[in-house]
Amino acid sequence: MPPERQAWCDTTSDVGRLMLAIMAGIAEFERSLSASAAMTGSNVKANGTKFGRPSALDAGERRKIADRYSADETLAELARDYGLGKQRSGAFYSENNFRTGE
Protein backbone atom coordinates (compact mmCIF):
# COMPACT_ATOMS: atom_id res chain seq x y z
CA MET A 1 0.00 0.00 0.00
CA PRO A 2 1.40 3.45 -0.87
CA PRO A 3 2.47 5.57 2.14
CA GLU A 4 -0.15 8.28 1.44
CA ARG A 5 -2.97 5.73 1.78
CA GLN A 6 -3.38 4.67 5.38
CA ALA A 7 -5.63 1.84 6.54
CA TRP A 8 -7.58 3.87 9.11
CA CYS A 9 -8.87 6.36 6.51
CA ASP A 10 -9.40 3.87 3.66
CA THR A 11 -13.18 3.34 3.65
CA THR A 12 -12.87 0.24 1.50
CA SER A 13 -11.18 -1.65 4.37
CA ASP A 14 -12.78 -2.97 7.55
CA VAL A 15 -10.69 -0.65 9.74
CA GLY A 16 -11.59 2.39 7.60
CA ARG A 17 -15.32 1.63 7.80
CA LEU A 18 -15.03 1.15 11.58
CA MET A 19 -13.28 4.51 11.98
CA LEU A 20 -15.92 6.22 9.83
CA ALA A 21 -18.70 4.69 11.96
CA ILE A 22 -16.97 5.76 15.19
CA MET A 23 -16.49 9.35 13.95
CA ALA A 24 -20.11 9.52 12.77
CA GLY A 25 -21.27 8.32 16.20
CA ILE A 26 -19.17 10.93 17.97
CA ALA A 27 -20.50 13.66 15.67
CA GLU A 28 -24.09 12.60 16.34
CA PHE A 29 -23.41 12.57 20.10
CA GLU A 30 -21.93 16.10 20.00
CA ARG A 31 -24.88 17.33 17.95
CA SER A 32 -27.36 15.97 20.51
CA LEU A 33 -25.39 17.55 23.38
CA SER A 34 -25.43 20.90 21.60
CA ALA A 35 -29.16 20.66 20.89
CA SER A 36 -29.98 19.77 24.50
CA ALA A 37 -27.84 22.67 25.80
CA ALA A 38 -29.60 25.08 23.45
CA MET A 39 -33.00 23.77 24.55
CA THR A 40 -32.05 24.17 28.22
CA GLY A 41 -30.95 27.75 27.59
CA SER A 42 -34.16 28.65 25.81
CA ASN A 43 -36.22 27.05 28.60
CA VAL A 44 -34.37 29.06 31.23
CA LYS A 45 -34.89 32.26 29.27
CA ALA A 46 -38.60 31.47 28.76
CA ASN A 47 -38.99 31.15 32.53
CA GLY A 48 -37.93 34.78 32.91
CA THR A 49 -34.32 34.34 33.98
CA LYS A 50 -32.29 37.46 33.24
CA PHE A 51 -28.90 37.05 31.62
CA GLY A 52 -25.98 39.44 31.58
CA ARG A 53 -24.65 42.06 33.88
CA PRO A 54 -27.00 43.34 36.60
CA SER A 55 -28.28 46.88 36.22
CA ALA A 56 -26.28 49.56 38.00
CA LEU A 57 -29.46 51.61 38.45
CA ASP A 58 -32.80 50.88 40.05
CA ALA A 59 -36.13 51.75 38.39
CA GLY A 60 -36.38 55.13 40.15
CA GLU A 61 -32.94 56.20 39.03
CA ARG A 62 -33.68 55.12 35.47
CA ARG A 63 -36.88 57.21 35.51
CA LYS A 64 -34.97 60.28 36.80
CA ILE A 65 -32.32 59.83 34.12
CA ALA A 66 -35.01 59.54 31.44
CA ASP A 67 -36.62 62.76 32.66
CA ARG A 68 -33.32 64.62 32.77
CA TYR A 69 -32.32 63.27 29.37
CA SER A 70 -35.59 64.49 27.87
CA ALA A 71 -34.76 67.91 29.39
CA ASP A 72 -31.68 68.00 27.09
CA GLU A 73 -28.99 66.85 29.51
CA THR A 74 -26.24 64.87 27.83
CA LEU A 75 -25.43 61.24 28.53
CA ALA A 76 -21.96 62.30 29.64
CA GLU A 77 -23.43 64.57 32.33
CA LEU A 78 -25.86 61.91 33.49
CA ALA A 79 -23.16 59.24 33.58
CA ARG A 80 -20.92 61.50 35.66
CA ASP A 81 -23.76 62.34 38.12
CA TYR A 82 -24.73 58.68 38.59
CA GLY A 83 -21.20 57.29 38.65
CA LEU A 84 -21.57 55.33 35.42
CA GLY A 85 -18.81 54.79 32.92
CA LYS A 86 -19.22 55.83 29.32
CA GLN A 87 -19.98 52.25 28.23
CA ARG A 88 -22.71 51.75 30.85
CA SER A 89 -24.43 55.04 29.97
CA GLY A 90 -24.48 54.05 26.31
CA ALA A 91 -25.95 50.66 27.21
CA PHE A 92 -28.59 52.42 29.31
CA TYR A 93 -29.46 54.67 26.38
CA SER A 94 -29.84 51.75 23.96
CA GLU A 95 -31.92 49.65 26.41
CA ASN A 96 -34.45 52.38 27.17
CA ASN A 97 -36.90 54.31 25.04
CA PHE A 98 -36.85 57.87 26.36
CA ARG A 99 -39.59 59.16 24.05
CA THR A 100 -42.32 56.89 25.44
CA GLY A 101 -40.88 56.72 28.95
CA GLU A 102 -40.81 52.91 28.93
PDB file of N, CA and C in Angstrom:
ATOM      1  N   MET A   1       0.847  -1.178   0.000  1.00  0.00           N
ATOM      2  CA  MET A   1       0.000   0.000   0.000  1.00  0.00           C
ATOM      3  C   MET A   1       0.892   1.240   0.000  1.00  0.00           C
ATOM      4  N   PRO A   2       0.574   2.231  -0.826  1.00  0.00           N
ATOM      5  CA  PRO A   2       1.400   3.448  -0.872  1.00  0.00           C
ATOM      6  C   PRO A   2       1.356   4.180   0.477  1.00  0.00           C
ATOM      7  N   PRO A   3       2.409   4.914   0.830  1.00  0.00           N
ATOM      8  CA  PRO A   3       2.469   5.569   2.141  1.00  0.00           C
ATOM      9  C   PRO A   3       1.374   6.626   2.346  1.00  0.00           C
ATOM     10  N   GLU A   4       0.877   7.250   1.271  1.00  0.00           N
ATOM     11  CA  GLU A   4      -0.151   8.284   1.443  1.00  0.00           C
ATOM     12  C   GLU A   4      -1.535   7.697   1.713  1.00  0.00           C
ATOM     13  N   ARG A   5      -1.683   6.397   1.557  1.00  0.00           N
ATOM     14  CA  ARG A   5      -2.970   5.732   1.785  1.00  0.00           C
ATOM     15  C   ARG A   5      -2.859   4.879   3.046  1.00  0.00           C
ATOM     16  N   GLN A   6      -3.479   5.355   4.104  1.00  0.00           N
ATOM     17  CA  GLN A   6      -3.377   4.666   5.375  1.00  0.00           C
ATOM     18  C   GLN A   6      -4.645   3.861   5.625  1.00  0.00           C
ATOM     19  N   ALA A   7      -4.515   2.770   6.351  1.00  0.00           N
ATOM     20  CA  ALA A   7      -5.627   1.839   6.544  1.00  0.00           C
ATOM     21  C   ALA A   7      -6.785   2.463   7.311  1.00  0.00           C
ATOM     22  N   TRP A   8      -6.506   3.327   8.282  1.00  0.00           N
ATOM     23  CA  TRP A   8      -7.582   3.866   9.105  1.00  0.00           C
ATOM     24  C   TRP A   8      -8.509   4.805   8.341  1.00  0.00           C
ATOM     25  N   CYS A   9      -8.018   5.435   7.257  1.00  0.00           N
ATOM     26  CA  CYS A   9      -8.867   6.359   6.510  1.00  0.00           C
ATOM     27  C   CYS A   9      -9.309   5.780   5.160  1.00  0.00           C
ATOM     28  N   ASP A  10      -8.986   4.542   4.897  1.00  0.00           N
ATOM     29  CA  ASP A  10      -9.399   3.866   3.661  1.00  0.00           C
ATOM     30  C   ASP A  10     -10.763   3.230   3.905  1.00  0.00           C
ATOM     31  N   THR A  11     -11.824   3.810   3.356  1.00  0.00           N
ATOM     32  CA  THR A  11     -13.182   3.341   3.646  1.00  0.00           C
ATOM     33  C   THR A  11     -13.535   2.045   2.929  1.00  0.00           C
ATOM     34  N   THR A  12     -12.621   1.532   2.131  1.00  0.00           N
ATOM     35  CA  THR A  12     -12.875   0.240   1.500  1.00  0.00           C
ATOM     36  C   THR A  12     -12.409  -0.902   2.390  1.00  0.00           C
ATOM     37  N   SER A  13     -11.646  -0.592   3.462  1.00  0.00           N
ATOM     38  CA  SER A  13     -11.178  -1.648   4.368  1.00  0.00           C
ATOM     39  C   SER A  13     -12.086  -1.709   5.599  1.00  0.00           C
ATOM     40  N   ASP A  14     -11.995  -2.795   6.330  1.00  0.00           N
ATOM     41  CA  ASP A  14     -12.781  -2.966   7.549  1.00  0.00           C
ATOM     42  C   ASP A  14     -12.435  -1.901   8.592  1.00  0.00           C
ATOM     43  N   VAL A  15     -11.146  -1.639   8.757  1.00  0.00           N
ATOM     44  CA  VAL A  15     -10.692  -0.651   9.741  1.00  0.00           C
ATOM     45  C   VAL A  15     -11.184   0.742   9.353  1.00  0.00           C
ATOM     46  N   GLY A  16     -11.128   1.077   8.073  1.00  0.00           N
ATOM     47  CA  GLY A  16     -11.592   2.386   7.604  1.00  0.00           C
ATOM     48  C   GLY A  16     -13.080   2.576   7.838  1.00  0.00           C
ATOM     49  N   ARG A  17     -13.875   1.542   7.565  1.00  0.00           N
ATOM     50  CA  ARG A  17     -15.319   1.630   7.804  1.00  0.00           C
ATOM     51  C   ARG A  17     -15.626   1.746   9.295  1.00  0.00           C
ATOM     52  N   LEU A  18     -14.860   1.039  10.132  1.00  0.00           N
ATOM     53  CA  LEU A  18     -15.034   1.153  11.578  1.00  0.00           C
ATOM     54  C   LEU A  18     -14.731   2.572  12.050  1.00  0.00           C
ATOM     55  N   MET A  19     -13.644   3.144  11.585  1.00  0.00           N
ATOM     56  CA  MET A  19     -13.277   4.510  11.979  1.00  0.00           C
ATOM     57  C   MET A  19     -14.335   5.506  11.531  1.00  0.00           C
ATOM     58  N   LEU A  20     -14.873   5.334  10.338  1.00  0.00           N
ATOM     59  CA  LEU A  20     -15.921   6.216   9.835  1.00  0.00           C
ATOM     60  C   LEU A  20     -17.178   6.108  10.709  1.00  0.00           C
ATOM     61  N   ALA A  21     -17.531   4.892  11.100  1.00  0.00           N
ATOM     62  CA  ALA A  21     -18.696   4.686  11.956  1.00  0.00           C
ATOM     63  C   ALA A  21     -18.479   5.310  13.337  1.00  0.00           C
ATOM     64  N   ILE A  22     -17.280   5.184  13.880  1.00  0.00           N
ATOM     65  CA  ILE A  22     -16.970   5.765  15.189  1.00  0.00           C
ATOM     66  C   ILE A  22     -17.050   7.292  15.119  1.00  0.00           C
ATOM     67  N   MET A  23     -16.458   7.881  14.083  1.00  0.00           N
ATOM     68  CA  MET A  23     -16.493   9.346  13.952  1.00  0.00           C
ATOM     69  C   MET A  23     -17.916   9.850  13.737  1.00  0.00           C
ATOM     70  N   ALA A  24     -18.713   9.127  12.981  1.00  0.00           N
ATOM     71  CA  ALA A  24     -20.112   9.517  12.774  1.00  0.00           C
ATOM     72  C   ALA A  24     -20.878   9.452  14.088  1.00  0.00           C
ATOM     73  N   GLY A  25     -20.621   8.436  14.895  1.00  0.00           N
ATOM     74  CA  GLY A  25     -21.271   8.316  16.197  1.00  0.00           C
ATOM     75  C   GLY A  25     -20.892   9.455  17.136  1.00  0.00           C
ATOM     76  N   ILE A  26     -19.621   9.816  17.133  1.00  0.00           N
ATOM     77  CA  ILE A  26     -19.166  10.930  17.974  1.00  0.00           C
ATOM     78  C   ILE A  26     -19.801  12.236  17.502  1.00  0.00           C
ATOM     79  N   ALA A  27     -19.881  12.450  16.208  1.00  0.00           N
ATOM     80  CA  ALA A  27     -20.498  13.664  15.671  1.00  0.00           C
ATOM     81  C   ALA A  27     -21.976  13.741  16.056  1.00  0.00           C
ATOM     82  N   GLU A  28     -22.675  12.629  15.974  1.00  0.00           N
ATOM     83  CA  GLU A  28     -24.094  12.602  16.344  1.00  0.00           C
ATOM     84  C   GLU A  28     -24.261  12.889  17.834  1.00  0.00           C
ATOM     85  N   PHE A  29     -23.378  12.334  18.660  1.00  0.00           N
ATOM     86  CA  PHE A  29     -23.415  12.568  20.099  1.00  0.00           C
ATOM     87  C   PHE A  29     -23.192  14.052  20.419  1.00  0.00           C
ATOM     88  N   GLU A  30     -22.197  14.677  19.783  1.00  0.00           N
ATOM     89  CA  GLU A  30     -21.933  16.095  20.000  1.00  0.00           C
ATOM     90  C   GLU A  30     -23.111  16.955  19.558  1.00  0.00           C
ATOM     91  N   ARG A  31     -23.728  16.587  18.457  1.00  0.00           N
ATOM     92  CA  ARG A  31     -24.882  17.333  17.946  1.00  0.00           C
ATOM     93  C   ARG A  31     -26.044  17.271  18.937  1.00  0.00           C
ATOM     94  N   SER A  32     -26.271  16.097  19.536  1.00  0.00           N
ATOM     95  CA  SER A  32     -27.363  15.972  20.509  1.00  0.00           C
ATOM     96  C   SER A  32     -27.048  16.748  21.788  1.00  0.00           C
ATOM     97  N   LEU A  33     -25.775  16.759  22.207  1.00  0.00           N
ATOM     98  CA  LEU A  33     -25.393  17.550  23.380  1.00  0.00           C
ATOM     99  C   LEU A  33     -25.628  19.036  23.123  1.00  0.00           C
ATOM    100  N   SER A  34     -25.249  19.494  21.953  1.00  0.00           N
ATOM    101  CA  SER A  34     -25.431  20.900  21.597  1.00  0.00           C
ATOM    102  C   SER A  34     -26.908  21.264  21.546  1.00  0.00           C
ATOM    103  N   ALA A  35     -27.720  20.392  20.976  1.00  0.00           N
ATOM    104  CA  ALA A  35     -29.161  20.658  20.891  1.00  0.00           C
ATOM    105  C   ALA A  35     -29.798  20.688  22.274  1.00  0.00           C
ATOM    106  N   SER A  36     -29.395  19.786  23.161  1.00  0.00           N
ATOM    107  CA  SER A  36     -29.983  19.773  24.500  1.00  0.00           C
ATOM    108  C   SER A  36     -29.541  21.000  25.295  1.00  0.00           C
ATOM    109  N   ALA A  37     -28.298  21.461  25.106  1.00  0.00           N
ATOM    110  CA  ALA A  37     -27.839  22.667  25.795  1.00  0.00           C
ATOM    111  C   ALA A  37     -28.597  23.892  25.299  1.00  0.00           C
ATOM    112  N   ALA A  38     -28.846  23.960  24.001  1.00  0.00           N
ATOM    113  CA  ALA A  38     -29.601  25.083  23.450  1.00  0.00           C
ATOM    114  C   ALA A  38     -31.035  25.061  23.958  1.00  0.00           C
ATOM    115  N   MET A  39     -31.624  23.886  24.054  1.00  0.00           N
ATOM    116  CA  MET A  39     -32.996  23.772  24.546  1.00  0.00           C
ATOM    117  C   MET A  39     -33.067  24.181  26.018  1.00  0.00           C
ATOM    118  N   THR A  40     -32.080  23.793  26.800  1.00  0.00           N
ATOM    119  CA  THR A  40     -32.048  24.169  28.215  1.00  0.00           C
ATOM    120  C   THR A  40     -31.939  25.680  28.357  1.00  0.00           C
ATOM    121  N   GLY A  41     -31.093  26.291  27.549  1.00  0.00           N
ATOM    122  CA  GLY A  41     -30.946  27.745  27.593  1.00  0.00           C
ATOM    123  C   GLY A  41     -32.220  28.466  27.214  1.00  0.00           C
ATOM    124  N   SER A  42     -32.921  27.986  26.205  1.00  0.00           N
ATOM    125  CA  SER A  42     -34.165  28.652  25.812  1.00  0.00           C
ATOM    126  C   SER A  42     -35.255  28.438  26.856  1.00  0.00           C
ATOM    127  N   ASN A  43     -35.258  27.281  27.530  1.00  0.00           N
ATOM    128  CA  ASN A  43     -36.224  27.048  28.603  1.00  0.00           C
ATOM    129  C   ASN A  43     -35.975  27.976  29.780  1.00  0.00           C
ATOM    130  N   VAL A  44     -34.710  28.169  30.112  1.00  0.00           N
ATOM    131  CA  VAL A  44     -34.367  29.055  31.225  1.00  0.00           C
ATOM    132  C   VAL A  44     -34.788  30.479  30.893  1.00  0.00           C
ATOM    133  N   LYS A  45     -34.528  30.910  29.678  1.00  0.00           N
ATOM    134  CA  LYS A  45     -34.894  32.264  29.273  1.00  0.00           C
ATOM    135  C   LYS A  45     -36.411  32.429  29.236  1.00  0.00           C
ATOM    136  N   ALA A  46     -37.143  31.401  28.810  1.00  0.00           N
ATOM    137  CA  ALA A  46     -38.605  31.466  28.755  1.00  0.00           C
ATOM    138  C   ALA A  46     -39.209  31.576  30.148  1.00  0.00           C
ATOM    139  N   ASN A  47     -38.503  31.076  31.151  1.00  0.00           N
ATOM    140  CA  ASN A  47     -38.993  31.150  32.531  1.00  0.00           C
ATOM    141  C   ASN A  47     -38.714  32.503  33.174  1.00  0.00           C
ATOM    142  N   GLY A  48     -38.138  33.434  32.411  1.00  0.00           N
ATOM    143  CA  GLY A  48     -37.926  34.784  32.912  1.00  0.00           C
ATOM    144  C   GLY A  48     -36.585  35.040  33.549  1.00  0.00           C
ATOM    145  N   THR A  49     -35.645  34.136  33.419  1.00  0.00           N
ATOM    146  CA  THR A  49     -34.323  34.342  33.979  1.00  0.00           C
ATOM    147  C   THR A  49     -33.605  35.421  33.185  1.00  0.00           C
ATOM    148  N   LYS A  50     -33.029  36.378  33.883  1.00  0.00           N
ATOM    149  CA  LYS A  50     -32.295  37.465  33.237  1.00  0.00           C
ATOM    150  C   LYS A  50     -30.841  37.049  33.081  1.00  0.00           C
ATOM    151  N   PHE A  51     -30.298  37.337  31.905  1.00  0.00           N
ATOM    152  CA  PHE A  51     -28.898  37.047  31.621  1.00  0.00           C
ATOM    153  C   PHE A  51     -28.125  38.354  31.588  1.00  0.00           C
ATOM    154  N   GLY A  52     -26.831  38.266  31.732  1.00  0.00           N
ATOM    155  CA  GLY A  52     -25.979  39.437  31.584  1.00  0.00           C
ATOM    156  C   GLY A  52     -25.695  40.139  32.900  1.00  0.00           C
ATOM    157  N   ARG A  53     -25.077  41.276  32.739  1.00  0.00           N
ATOM    158  CA  ARG A  53     -24.648  42.063  33.880  1.00  0.00           C
ATOM    159  C   ARG A  53     -25.858  42.696  34.573  1.00  0.00           C
ATOM    160  N   PRO A  54     -25.882  42.698  35.909  1.00  0.00           N
ATOM    161  CA  PRO A  54     -27.003  43.335  36.603  1.00  0.00           C
ATOM    162  C   PRO A  54     -26.993  44.847  36.372  1.00  0.00           C
ATOM    163  N   SER A  55     -28.158  45.451  36.439  1.00  0.00           N
ATOM    164  CA  SER A  55     -28.281  46.884  36.221  1.00  0.00           C
ATOM    165  C   SER A  55     -27.606  47.646  37.353  1.00  0.00           C
ATOM    166  N   ALA A  56     -26.915  48.720  36.993  1.00  0.00           N
ATOM    167  CA  ALA A  56     -26.277  49.562  37.998  1.00  0.00           C
ATOM    168  C   ALA A  56     -27.275  50.534  38.606  1.00  0.00           C
ATOM    169  N   LEU A  57     -28.452  50.648  38.010  1.00  0.00           N
ATOM    170  CA  LEU A  57     -29.463  51.607  38.451  1.00  0.00           C
ATOM    171  C   LEU A  57     -30.768  50.900  38.776  1.00  0.00           C
ATOM    172  N   ASP A  58     -31.478  51.427  39.778  1.00  0.00           N
ATOM    173  CA  ASP A  58     -32.802  50.882  40.046  1.00  0.00           C
ATOM    174  C   ASP A  58     -33.830  51.611  39.176  1.00  0.00           C
ATOM    175  N   ALA A  59     -35.086  51.207  39.264  1.00  0.00           N
ATOM    176  CA  ALA A  59     -36.133  51.755  38.393  1.00  0.00           C
ATOM    177  C   ALA A  59     -36.320  53.255  38.617  1.00  0.00           C
ATOM    178  N   GLY A  60     -36.237  53.709  39.854  1.00  0.00           N
ATOM    179  CA  GLY A  60     -36.385  55.135  40.150  1.00  0.00           C
ATOM    180  C   GLY A  60     -35.287  55.973  39.533  1.00  0.00           C
ATOM    181  N   GLU A  61     -34.065  55.483  39.636  1.00  0.00           N
ATOM    182  CA  GLU A  61     -32.942  56.204  39.034  1.00  0.00           C
ATOM    183  C   GLU A  61     -33.068  56.243  37.516  1.00  0.00           C
ATOM    184  N   ARG A  62     -33.503  55.134  36.921  1.00  0.00           N
ATOM    185  CA  ARG A  62     -33.684  55.122  35.465  1.00  0.00           C
ATOM    186  C   ARG A  62     -34.753  56.124  35.041  1.00  0.00           C
ATOM    187  N   ARG A  63     -35.816  56.243  35.806  1.00  0.00           N
ATOM    188  CA  ARG A  63     -36.877  57.207  35.506  1.00  0.00           C
ATOM    189  C   ARG A  63     -36.335  58.637  35.590  1.00  0.00           C
ATOM    190  N   LYS A  64     -35.549  58.938  36.656  1.00  0.00           N
ATOM    191  CA  LYS A  64     -34.968  60.280  36.803  1.00  0.00           C
ATOM    192  C   LYS A  64     -34.032  60.597  35.634  1.00  0.00           C
ATOM    193  N   ILE A  65     -33.234  59.615  35.249  1.00  0.00           N
ATOM    194  CA  ILE A  65     -32.318  59.828  34.122  1.00  0.00           C
ATOM    195  C   ILE A  65     -33.114  60.093  32.852  1.00  0.00           C
ATOM    196  N   ALA A  66     -34.187  59.343  32.633  1.00  0.00           N
ATOM    197  CA  ALA A  66     -35.010  59.544  31.438  1.00  0.00           C
ATOM    198  C   ALA A  66     -35.602  60.947  31.426  1.00  0.00           C
ATOM    199  N   ASP A  67     -36.060  61.411  32.585  1.00  0.00           N
ATOM    200  CA  ASP A  67     -36.622  62.759  32.663  1.00  0.00           C
ATOM    201  C   ASP A  67     -35.564  63.819  32.392  1.00  0.00           C
ATOM    202  N   ARG A  68     -34.401  63.647  32.980  1.00  0.00           N
ATOM    203  CA  ARG A  68     -33.318  64.615  32.768  1.00  0.00           C
ATOM    204  C   ARG A  68     -32.811  64.580  31.339  1.00  0.00           C
ATOM    205  N   TYR A  69     -32.769  63.384  30.757  1.00  0.00           N
ATOM    206  CA  TYR A  69     -32.316  63.273  29.366  1.00  0.00           C
ATOM    207  C   TYR A  69     -33.302  63.966  28.421  1.00  0.00           C
ATOM    208  N   SER A  70     -34.598  63.834  28.707  1.00  0.00           N
ATOM    209  CA  SER A  70     -35.593  64.489  27.866  1.00  0.00           C
ATOM    210  C   SER A  70     -35.555  66.007  28.052  1.00  0.00           C
ATOM    211  N   ALA A  71     -34.949  66.479  29.157  1.00  0.00           N
ATOM    212  CA  ALA A  71     -34.758  67.909  29.391  1.00  0.00           C
ATOM    213  C   ALA A  71     -33.425  68.374  28.822  1.00  0.00           C
ATOM    214  N   ASP A  72     -32.890  67.643  27.869  1.00  0.00           N
ATOM    215  CA  ASP A  72     -31.679  67.995  27.095  1.00  0.00           C
ATOM    216  C   ASP A  72     -30.366  67.930  27.863  1.00  0.00           C
ATOM    217  N   GLU A  73     -30.287  67.105  28.903  1.00  0.00           N
ATOM    218  CA  GLU A  73     -28.986  66.851  29.508  1.00  0.00           C
ATOM    219  C   GLU A  73     -28.289  65.776  28.684  1.00  0.00           C
ATOM    220  N   THR A  74     -26.979  65.838  28.641  1.00  0.00           N
ATOM    221  CA  THR A  74     -26.242  64.865  27.827  1.00  0.00           C
ATOM    222  C   THR A  74     -26.007  63.587  28.620  1.00  0.00           C
ATOM    223  N   LEU A  75     -25.739  62.521  27.881  1.00  0.00           N
ATOM    224  CA  LEU A  75     -25.429  61.245  28.531  1.00  0.00           C
ATOM    225  C   LEU A  75     -24.157  61.344  29.354  1.00  0.00           C
ATOM    226  N   ALA A  76     -23.204  62.139  28.895  1.00  0.00           N
ATOM    227  CA  ALA A  76     -21.959  62.298  29.643  1.00  0.00           C
ATOM    228  C   ALA A  76     -22.227  62.924  31.010  1.00  0.00           C
ATOM    229  N   GLU A  77     -23.092  63.944  31.058  1.00  0.00           N
ATOM    230  CA  GLU A  77     -23.434  64.575  32.331  1.00  0.00           C
ATOM    231  C   GLU A  77     -24.158  63.591  33.252  1.00  0.00           C
ATOM    232  N   LEU A  78     -25.106  62.873  32.696  1.00  0.00           N
ATOM    233  CA  LEU A  78     -25.863  61.913  33.492  1.00  0.00           C
ATOM    234  C   LEU A  78     -24.970  60.795  34.002  1.00  0.00           C
ATOM    235  N   ALA A  79     -24.071  60.305  33.166  1.00  0.00           N
ATOM    236  CA  ALA A  79     -23.157  59.240  33.578  1.00  0.00           C
ATOM    237  C   ALA A  79     -22.266  59.716  34.716  1.00  0.00           C
ATOM    238  N   ARG A  80     -21.779  60.947  34.610  1.00  0.00           N
ATOM    239  CA  ARG A  80     -20.921  61.498  35.664  1.00  0.00           C
ATOM    240  C   ARG A  80     -21.715  61.628  36.973  1.00  0.00           C
ATOM    241  N   ASP A  81     -22.946  62.141  36.911  1.00  0.00           N
ATOM    242  CA  ASP A  81     -23.759  62.336  38.118  1.00  0.00           C
ATOM    243  C   ASP A  81     -24.124  61.020  38.806  1.00  0.00           C
ATOM    244  N   TYR A  82     -24.315  59.960  38.022  1.00  0.00           N
ATOM    245  CA  TYR A  82     -24.733  58.678  38.594  1.00  0.00           C
ATOM    246  C   TYR A  82     -23.576  57.691  38.747  1.00  0.00           C
ATOM    247  N   GLY A  83     -22.363  58.141  38.469  1.00  0.00           N
ATOM    248  CA  GLY A  83     -21.196  57.293  38.647  1.00  0.00           C
ATOM    249  C   GLY A  83     -21.113  56.134  37.664  1.00  0.00           C
ATOM    250  N   LEU A  84     -21.621  56.361  36.460  1.00  0.00           N
ATOM    251  CA  LEU A  84     -21.568  55.326  35.424  1.00  0.00           C
ATOM    252  C   LEU A  84     -20.440  55.643  34.457  1.00  0.00           C
ATOM    253  N   GLY A  85     -19.811  54.598  33.951  1.00  0.00           N
ATOM    254  CA  GLY A  85     -18.815  54.789  32.918  1.00  0.00           C
ATOM    255  C   GLY A  85     -19.490  55.079  31.589  1.00  0.00           C
ATOM    256  N   LYS A  86     -18.689  55.489  30.643  1.00  0.00           N
ATOM    257  CA  LYS A  86     -19.222  55.830  29.322  1.00  0.00           C
ATOM    258  C   LYS A  86     -19.928  54.638  28.682  1.00  0.00           C
ATOM    259  N   GLN A  87     -19.375  53.441  28.827  1.00  0.00           N
ATOM    260  CA  GLN A  87     -19.977  52.249  28.232  1.00  0.00           C
ATOM    261  C   GLN A  87     -21.332  51.937  28.858  1.00  0.00           C
ATOM    262  N   ARG A  88     -21.447  52.060  30.169  1.00  0.00           N
ATOM    263  CA  ARG A  88     -22.714  51.750  30.847  1.00  0.00           C
ATOM    264  C   ARG A  88     -23.786  52.771  30.480  1.00  0.00           C
ATOM    265  N   SER A  89     -23.420  54.049  30.328  1.00  0.00           N
ATOM    266  CA  SER A  89     -24.433  55.040  29.975  1.00  0.00           C
ATOM    267  C   SER A  89     -24.929  54.805  28.557  1.00  0.00           C
ATOM    268  N   GLY A  90     -24.059  54.379  27.668  1.00  0.00           N
ATOM    269  CA  GLY A  90     -24.483  54.053  26.307  1.00  0.00           C
ATOM    270  C   GLY A  90     -25.392  52.843  26.282  1.00  0.00           C
ATOM    271  N   ALA A  91     -25.093  51.851  27.119  1.00  0.00           N
ATOM    272  CA  ALA A  91     -25.946  50.663  27.215  1.00  0.00           C
ATOM    273  C   ALA A  91     -27.307  51.053  27.776  1.00  0.00           C
ATOM    274  N   PHE A  92     -27.327  51.960  28.759  1.00  0.00           N
ATOM    275  CA  PHE A  92     -28.591  52.421  29.314  1.00  0.00           C
ATOM    276  C   PHE A  92     -29.419  53.115  28.235  1.00  0.00           C
ATOM    277  N   TYR A  93     -28.757  53.946  27.452  1.00  0.00           N
ATOM    278  CA  TYR A  93     -29.459  54.668  26.385  1.00  0.00           C
ATOM    279  C   TYR A  93     -30.073  53.703  25.381  1.00  0.00           C
ATOM    280  N   SER A  94     -29.326  52.673  24.976  1.00  0.00           N
ATOM    281  CA  SER A  94     -29.836  51.749  23.959  1.00  0.00           C
ATOM    282  C   SER A  94     -30.920  50.823  24.506  1.00  0.00           C
ATOM    283  N   GLU A  95     -30.940  50.561  25.814  1.00  0.00           N
ATOM    284  CA  GLU A  95     -31.919  49.646  26.406  1.00  0.00           C
ATOM    285  C   GLU A  95     -33.238  50.335  26.730  1.00  0.00           C
ATOM    286  N   ASN A  96     -33.261  51.665  26.736  1.00  0.00           N
ATOM    287  CA  ASN A  96     -34.455  52.382  27.169  1.00  0.00           C
ATOM    288  C   ASN A  96     -34.966  53.300  26.071  1.00  0.00           C
ATOM    289  N   ASN A  97     -36.271  53.436  26.019  1.00  0.00           N
ATOM    290  CA  ASN A  97     -36.897  54.311  25.044  1.00  0.00           C
ATOM    291  C   ASN A  97     -37.328  55.571  25.781  1.00  0.00           C
ATOM    292  N   PHE A  98     -36.573  56.654  25.617  1.00  0.00           N
ATOM    293  CA  PHE A  98     -36.852  57.869  26.358  1.00  0.00           C
ATOM    294  C   PHE A  98     -38.103  58.586  25.856  1.00  0.00           C
ATOM    295  N   ARG A  99     -38.455  58.423  24.600  1.00  0.00           N
ATOM    296  CA  ARG A  99     -39.586  59.158  24.051  1.00  0.00           C
ATOM    297  C   ARG A  99     -40.909  58.702  24.649  1.00  0.00           C
ATOM    298  N   THR A 100     -41.044  57.388  24.874  1.00  0.00           N
ATOM    299  CA  THR A 100     -42.321  56.895  25.437  1.00  0.00           C
ATOM    300  C   THR A 100     -42.242  56.703  26.940  1.00  0.00           C
ATOM    301  N   GLY A 101     -41.036  56.861  27.497  1.00  0.00           N
ATOM    302  CA  GLY A 101     -40.882  56.719  28.945  1.00  0.00           C
ATOM    303  C   GLY A 101     -40.943  55.290  29.423  1.00  0.00           C
ATOM    304  N   GLU A 102     -40.757  54.314  28.541  1.00  0.00           N
ATOM    305  CA  GLU A 102     -40.811  52.907  28.928  1.00  0.00           C
ATOM    306  C   GLU A 102     -39.505  52.480  29.527  1.00  0.00           C
TER     307      GLU A 102
END
